[in-house]
Amino acid sequence: MSSLAIVIVNYNTRELLRDCLTSIFAATSEHRIEVWVVDNASSDGSVGVVQQAFPSVHLIANTYNGGYAYANNLALRDILALPELSPARQGVSSDTPSLPDYVMLLNSDTVVPHQTIDGLIRYIEVRPDVGAVGPKLLLADGSLDLACRRAFPTPTTFIYHAVGLSRLFPRSPRFARYNMTYLDPDIEVEVDALVGACMLVRSSVVREVGLLDEQFFMYGEDLDWSHRIKQYGWRIMYAPHVIVHHYKRASSSQRPFASIRHFYHAMRVFHRKHYAATAPALFNITIEAGITLKEAWSLGRNFLRPAAARRVG
């Protein structure tokens, strides 16, 4: 029997969080599962719901919203007994039985069907070279959440995506590489990156590559984490036989303009961290200018939309 710690970051999604937790506890599992909820200073009574309806959940109630990476790391530090980061658990060795075999990042706006968790664990258990695995994510309308299987946003991949070539040529392995729309969504495939809405990672891998980078407030931290996992030689897999339902943008839609700024800031951070040092200066200037133009376009377009229709991306 393996063990798993699920980390859910919540920001003002009380009812969706309730549905998410209900789905987790309703599904029987052959593995030992613990659930952690990190609340980023919600004002909608989310903390009370967790305390009253799900007393077995480990709850961290933040007094301010430090972002997605920051919140996940609060739980991961304690779960994985990182002595340099979790003073309360210093002296706990890496092979302590209480440490979980796997950790899962899961959004509060997801619903986990029966056998999903066991399906992901069974998948990774028989593939020792796989460091992380993610399911097929389905949106509320039944369509694929394209973010669940991605290539890294290299400068050329970003350009193809930003100028719309990926939409014009969705079946092109070259132009549609970022969201991999040229592949059947039911095909198991190795990917560059998963999405933090649902990704299962070996605990040993997290201890090896480190926690999420808190330069990313929201967006981009999953890409960066995947990049580091790949750098350490681990494979990352998309397993479409396992399904999770994702009611996307539940938190970001509450603050669309701030979320847009975080979205494009994440692009800048990712490019500067992973590509800028090896790219020509003029190319970097072009990429930065392109990100700024896309940000301005997105902000302006959202300003002209009715409030209910505003969104990120």
Protein backbone atom coordinates (compact mmCIF):
# COMPACT_ATOMS: atom_id res chain seq x y z
CA MET A 1 0.00 0.00 0.00
CA SER A 2 1.39 3.36 -1.06
CA SER A 3 0.73 6.70 0.57
CA LEU A 4 -0.27 10.00 -0.96
CA ALA A 5 -0.59 13.57 0.29
CA ILE A 6 -2.98 15.76 -1.70
CA VAL A 7 -2.43 19.53 -1.51
CA ILE A 8 -5.33 21.81 -2.45
CA VAL A 9 -4.87 25.58 -2.55
CA ASN A 10 -8.11 27.51 -2.14
CA TYR A 11 -9.09 31.12 -2.69
CA ASN A 12 -12.78 31.97 -2.35
CA THR A 13 -14.10 28.81 -3.98
CA ARG A 14 -16.04 27.47 -1.00
CA GLU A 15 -18.67 25.39 -2.79
CA LEU A 16 -16.27 24.07 -5.40
CA LEU A 17 -13.85 23.16 -2.62
CA ARG A 18 -16.64 21.32 -0.83
CA ASP A 19 -17.40 19.36 -4.02
CA CYS A 20 -13.72 18.60 -4.54
CA LEU A 21 -13.20 17.28 -1.02
CA THR A 22 -16.45 15.32 -1.13
CA SER A 23 -15.32 13.59 -4.32
CA ILE A 24 -11.97 12.66 -2.77
CA PHE A 25 -13.47 11.15 0.37
CA ALA A 26 -16.28 9.45 -1.52
CA ALA A 27 -13.83 7.45 -3.62
CA THR A 28 -12.54 4.33 -1.93
CA SER A 29 -8.82 3.75 -2.29
CA GLU A 30 -6.42 0.94 -1.61
CA HIS A 31 -3.80 3.51 -0.61
CA ARG A 32 -3.28 5.73 2.43
CA ILE A 33 -4.36 9.26 1.59
CA GLU A 34 -4.04 12.50 3.53
CA VAL A 35 -5.48 15.78 2.34
CA TRP A 36 -4.12 19.26 2.98
CA VAL A 37 -6.01 22.46 2.25
CA VAL A 38 -4.13 25.74 2.20
CA ASP A 39 -6.52 28.67 2.21
CA ASN A 40 -5.19 31.95 0.88
CA ALA A 41 -7.17 34.31 3.12
CA SER A 42 -10.58 33.58 1.62
CA SER A 43 -13.48 35.78 2.66
CA ASP A 44 -16.28 33.39 1.69
CA GLY A 45 -16.26 31.03 4.66
CA SER A 46 -14.12 28.36 3.03
CA VAL A 47 -12.12 27.76 6.21
CA GLY A 48 -15.26 27.12 8.21
CA VAL A 49 -16.51 24.58 5.67
CA VAL A 50 -13.28 22.61 5.91
CA GLN A 51 -13.26 22.74 9.71
CA GLN A 52 -16.87 21.65 10.09
CA ALA A 53 -17.41 19.23 7.21
CA PHE A 54 -13.94 17.74 6.75
CA PRO A 55 -12.26 17.56 10.16
CA SER A 56 -9.64 15.04 8.97
CA VAL A 57 -8.20 17.53 6.50
CA HIS A 58 -4.96 19.26 7.48
CA LEU A 59 -5.86 22.94 7.22
CA ILE A 60 -3.49 25.86 6.84
CA ALA A 61 -5.39 29.15 6.99
CA ASN A 62 -3.23 31.96 5.67
CA THR A 63 -3.84 35.51 6.81
CA TYR A 64 -2.91 36.87 3.37
CA ASN A 65 -2.81 35.62 -0.20
CA GLY A 66 0.82 34.81 -0.92
CA GLY A 67 0.09 33.12 -4.22
CA TYR A 68 -0.26 29.59 -5.52
CA ALA A 69 3.37 28.49 -5.29
CA TYR A 70 3.76 29.99 -1.82
CA ALA A 71 0.64 28.21 -0.53
CA ASN A 72 1.58 24.82 -1.97
CA ASN A 73 5.05 25.12 -0.52
CA LEU A 74 3.68 25.72 2.98
CA ALA A 75 2.11 22.27 2.90
CA LEU A 76 4.90 20.54 0.97
CA ARG A 77 7.55 21.67 3.44
CA ASP A 78 5.74 19.96 6.28
CA ILE A 79 4.54 16.93 4.32
CA LEU A 80 8.03 16.10 3.06
CA ALA A 81 9.79 17.01 6.32
CA LEU A 82 12.32 19.26 4.65
CA PRO A 83 14.49 20.07 7.69
CA GLU A 84 15.93 23.29 6.32
CA LEU A 85 12.43 24.57 5.56
CA SER A 86 10.26 23.02 8.24
CA PRO A 87 11.84 23.65 11.67
CA ALA A 88 9.00 21.90 13.45
CA ARG A 89 9.99 18.61 11.88
CA GLN A 90 13.76 18.77 12.01
CA GLY A 91 15.39 15.43 12.64
CA VAL A 92 12.86 13.47 10.61
CA SER A 93 14.80 11.33 8.15
CA SER A 94 13.88 10.98 4.46
CA ASP A 95 12.90 7.33 4.94
CA THR A 96 10.55 7.94 7.84
CA PRO A 97 7.47 5.74 7.23
CA SER A 98 5.11 8.65 7.82
CA LEU A 99 6.42 10.46 4.76
CA PRO A 100 4.18 9.87 1.73
CA ASP A 101 5.39 8.10 -1.38
CA TYR A 102 3.68 10.66 -3.60
CA VAL A 103 2.28 14.16 -3.49
CA MET A 104 -0.49 15.53 -5.66
CA LEU A 105 -1.23 19.13 -6.48
CA LEU A 106 -4.97 19.50 -7.01
CA ASN A 107 -7.08 22.57 -7.71
CA SER A 108 -10.08 23.33 -5.57
CA ASP A 109 -12.22 23.59 -8.73
CA THR A 110 -11.81 19.93 -9.64
CA VAL A 111 -13.89 16.83 -9.06
CA VAL A 112 -12.08 13.52 -8.72
CA PRO A 113 -14.01 10.49 -10.01
CA HIS A 114 -13.79 7.08 -8.39
CA GLN A 115 -10.51 5.24 -9.12
CA THR A 116 -8.74 8.38 -10.38
CA ILE A 117 -6.24 8.53 -7.54
CA ASP A 118 -5.56 4.80 -7.59
CA GLY A 119 -5.25 4.93 -11.37
CA LEU A 120 -2.50 7.52 -11.24
CA ILE A 121 -0.65 5.71 -8.46
CA ARG A 122 -0.86 2.38 -10.28
CA TYR A 123 0.47 4.05 -13.41
CA ILE A 124 3.55 5.57 -11.80
CA GLU A 125 4.32 2.60 -9.57
CA VAL A 126 5.21 0.37 -12.52
CA ARG A 127 7.25 3.04 -14.31
CA PRO A 128 10.30 3.81 -12.15
CA ASP A 129 11.64 6.36 -14.65
CA VAL A 130 8.50 8.51 -14.45
CA GLY A 131 8.75 11.37 -11.98
CA ALA A 132 5.31 12.90 -12.51
CA VAL A 133 2.04 11.96 -14.17
CA GLY A 134 -1.14 13.82 -14.95
CA PRO A 135 -4.64 12.80 -16.03
CA LYS A 136 -6.89 13.92 -18.82
CA LEU A 137 -8.63 17.06 -17.54
CA LEU A 138 -12.13 17.68 -18.85
CA LEU A 139 -13.79 21.08 -18.67
CA ALA A 140 -17.41 21.63 -17.66
CA ASP A 141 -18.56 21.31 -21.28
CA GLY A 142 -16.74 17.99 -21.69
CA SER A 143 -13.93 19.38 -23.82
CA LEU A 144 -10.25 18.83 -23.08
CA ASP A 145 -8.44 21.30 -20.85
CA LEU A 146 -5.55 21.92 -23.24
CA ALA A 147 -3.19 22.79 -20.40
CA CYS A 148 -3.10 19.21 -19.14
CA ARG A 149 -0.42 18.21 -21.68
CA ARG A 150 2.04 20.80 -22.91
CA ALA A 151 5.40 21.46 -24.43
CA PHE A 152 7.68 24.02 -22.85
CA PRO A 153 7.06 27.58 -24.11
CA THR A 154 10.40 27.97 -25.83
CA PRO A 155 10.81 31.30 -27.64
CA THR A 156 9.72 29.85 -30.99
CA THR A 157 6.84 27.90 -29.44
CA PHE A 158 5.71 31.09 -27.68
CA ILE A 159 5.77 33.03 -30.95
CA TYR A 160 3.72 30.40 -32.79
CA HIS A 161 1.18 30.42 -29.96
CA ALA A 162 1.12 34.18 -29.47
CA VAL A 163 0.55 35.11 -33.12
CA GLY A 164 -2.21 32.55 -33.51
CA LEU A 165 -0.47 29.97 -35.71
CA SER A 166 -1.38 27.25 -33.21
CA ARG A 167 -5.07 28.07 -33.71
CA LEU A 168 -4.77 28.30 -37.48
CA PHE A 169 -2.90 25.00 -37.73
CA PRO A 170 -4.05 22.90 -34.76
CA ARG A 171 -2.88 19.67 -36.44
CA SER A 172 0.64 20.89 -37.07
CA PRO A 173 3.33 19.31 -34.83
CA ARG A 174 5.37 22.46 -35.39
CA PHE A 175 2.88 25.28 -34.89
CA ALA A 176 0.59 23.54 -32.38
CA ARG A 177 3.35 22.12 -30.24
CA TYR A 178 2.55 24.05 -27.06
CA ASN A 179 -0.87 22.45 -26.41
CA MET A 180 -0.11 19.37 -28.52
CA THR A 181 -3.47 19.61 -30.33
CA TYR A 182 -2.02 17.58 -33.20
CA LEU A 183 -2.27 14.47 -30.99
CA ASP A 184 -5.36 12.46 -30.13
CA PRO A 185 -6.29 13.39 -26.52
CA ASP A 186 -6.75 9.69 -25.75
CA ILE A 187 -3.13 8.83 -26.59
CA GLU A 188 -0.76 8.27 -23.68
CA VAL A 189 2.32 10.38 -24.32
CA GLU A 190 5.43 11.77 -22.68
CA VAL A 191 5.11 15.52 -22.30
CA ASP A 192 7.26 18.43 -21.25
CA ALA A 193 4.83 19.73 -18.66
CA LEU A 194 1.64 19.05 -16.77
CA VAL A 195 -0.73 21.53 -15.18
CA GLY A 196 -0.87 22.18 -11.45
CA ALA A 197 -4.63 21.64 -11.47
CA CYS A 198 -3.81 17.94 -11.08
CA MET A 199 -0.36 16.42 -11.12
CA LEU A 200 1.01 13.52 -9.11
CA VAL A 201 4.73 13.61 -8.31
CA ARG A 202 7.04 11.23 -6.50
CA SER A 203 7.98 12.65 -3.11
CA SER A 204 11.59 11.68 -3.76
CA VAL A 205 11.52 13.80 -6.91
CA VAL A 206 10.25 16.84 -5.02
CA ARG A 207 12.99 16.44 -2.44
CA GLU A 208 15.48 16.18 -5.32
CA VAL A 209 14.42 19.10 -7.49
CA GLY A 210 13.04 21.39 -4.78
CA LEU A 211 9.76 23.15 -4.15
CA LEU A 212 7.76 25.40 -6.43
CA ASP A 213 9.45 28.68 -7.35
CA GLU A 214 7.69 31.46 -5.49
CA GLN A 215 8.71 34.03 -8.11
CA PHE A 216 5.53 32.80 -9.79
CA PHE A 217 2.49 34.18 -7.95
CA MET A 218 0.06 32.15 -10.03
CA TYR A 219 0.57 30.54 -13.44
CA GLY A 220 3.90 29.24 -14.67
CA GLU A 221 5.02 27.50 -11.49
CA ASP A 222 3.87 24.13 -12.86
CA LEU A 223 5.81 24.69 -16.08
CA ASP A 224 8.90 25.63 -14.13
CA TRP A 225 8.56 22.62 -11.82
CA SER A 226 8.14 20.31 -14.79
CA HIS A 227 11.19 21.87 -16.42
CA ARG A 228 13.30 21.12 -13.36
CA ILE A 229 11.92 17.59 -13.09
CA LYS A 230 12.96 16.96 -16.70
CA GLN A 231 16.39 18.50 -16.08
CA TYR A 232 16.99 15.88 -13.41
CA GLY A 233 16.32 13.13 -15.94
CA TRP A 234 12.79 12.15 -15.00
CA ARG A 235 10.04 11.47 -17.52
CA ILE A 236 6.68 13.23 -17.29
CA MET A 237 3.64 11.40 -18.62
CA TYR A 238 0.09 12.22 -19.67
CA ALA A 239 -2.21 9.31 -18.80
CA PRO A 240 -5.57 9.87 -20.53
CA HIS A 241 -7.23 6.74 -19.17
CA VAL A 242 -7.49 8.64 -15.86
CA ILE A 243 -9.95 11.55 -15.86
CA VAL A 244 -10.45 14.57 -13.59
CA HIS A 245 -13.14 17.23 -14.11
CA HIS A 246 -11.89 20.80 -14.00
CA TYR A 247 -14.14 23.84 -13.55
CA LYS A 248 -11.45 26.19 -14.75
CA ARG A 249 -10.72 29.80 -13.70
CA ALA A 250 -12.82 29.67 -10.55
CA SER A 251 -10.31 31.78 -8.62
CA SER A 252 -8.75 33.84 -11.40
CA SER A 253 -12.12 35.04 -12.72
CA GLN A 254 -12.75 36.81 -9.42
CA ARG A 255 -9.86 39.21 -10.11
CA PRO A 256 -9.44 39.07 -13.91
CA PHE A 257 -7.17 42.09 -14.35
CA ALA A 258 -4.78 41.08 -11.56
CA SER A 259 -4.82 37.51 -12.88
CA ILE A 260 -3.93 38.70 -16.38
CA ARG A 261 -0.96 40.58 -15.00
CA HIS A 262 0.18 37.50 -13.05
CA PHE A 263 -0.26 35.39 -16.20
CA TYR A 264 2.07 37.52 -18.31
CA HIS A 265 4.47 38.10 -15.44
CA ALA A 266 4.84 34.32 -15.27
CA MET A 267 5.77 34.29 -18.96
CA ARG A 268 8.51 36.84 -18.35
CA VAL A 269 9.88 34.98 -15.33
CA PHE A 270 9.92 31.65 -17.18
CA HIS A 271 11.68 33.09 -20.21
CA ARG A 272 14.27 34.97 -18.16
CA LYS A 273 14.95 31.93 -15.98
CA HIS A 274 15.25 29.26 -18.64
CA TYR A 275 15.97 30.85 -22.05
CA ALA A 276 17.22 34.44 -21.86
CA ALA A 277 20.82 33.57 -20.95
CA THR A 278 21.34 31.53 -24.14
CA ALA A 279 19.37 33.72 -26.55
CA PRO A 280 20.65 36.78 -28.46
CA ALA A 281 19.85 40.11 -26.82
CA LEU A 282 17.70 41.29 -29.73
CA PHE A 283 15.68 38.09 -29.57
CA ASN A 284 15.09 38.58 -25.84
CA ILE A 285 13.93 42.14 -26.45
CA THR A 286 11.51 40.86 -29.09
CA ILE A 287 10.11 38.22 -26.73
CA GLU A 288 9.69 40.71 -23.89
CA ALA A 289 8.00 43.18 -26.23
CA GLY A 290 5.71 40.45 -27.50
CA ILE A 291 4.68 39.49 -23.97
CA THR A 292 3.98 43.14 -23.13
CA LEU A 293 1.87 43.62 -26.26
CA LYS A 294 -0.12 40.46 -25.55
CA GLU A 295 -0.68 41.63 -21.97
CA ALA A 296 -1.89 45.05 -23.11
CA TRP A 297 -4.20 43.44 -25.68
CA SER A 298 -5.65 41.05 -23.10
CA LEU A 299 -6.19 43.82 -20.54
CA GLY A 300 -7.84 46.07 -23.12
CA ARG A 301 -10.08 43.32 -24.48
CA ASN A 302 -11.22 42.39 -20.97
CA PHE A 303 -11.93 46.02 -20.13
CA LEU A 304 -14.39 46.15 -23.03
CA ARG A 305 -16.12 42.92 -22.04
CA PRO A 306 -19.05 42.76 -19.60
CA ALA A 307 -17.80 41.96 -16.10
CA ALA A 308 -19.27 38.44 -16.19
CA ALA A 309 -17.36 37.60 -19.39
CA ARG A 310 -13.91 38.74 -18.26
CA ARG A 311 -11.26 36.03 -18.05
CA VAL A 312 -7.56 35.31 -18.26
CA GLY A 313 -6.02 34.34 -21.60
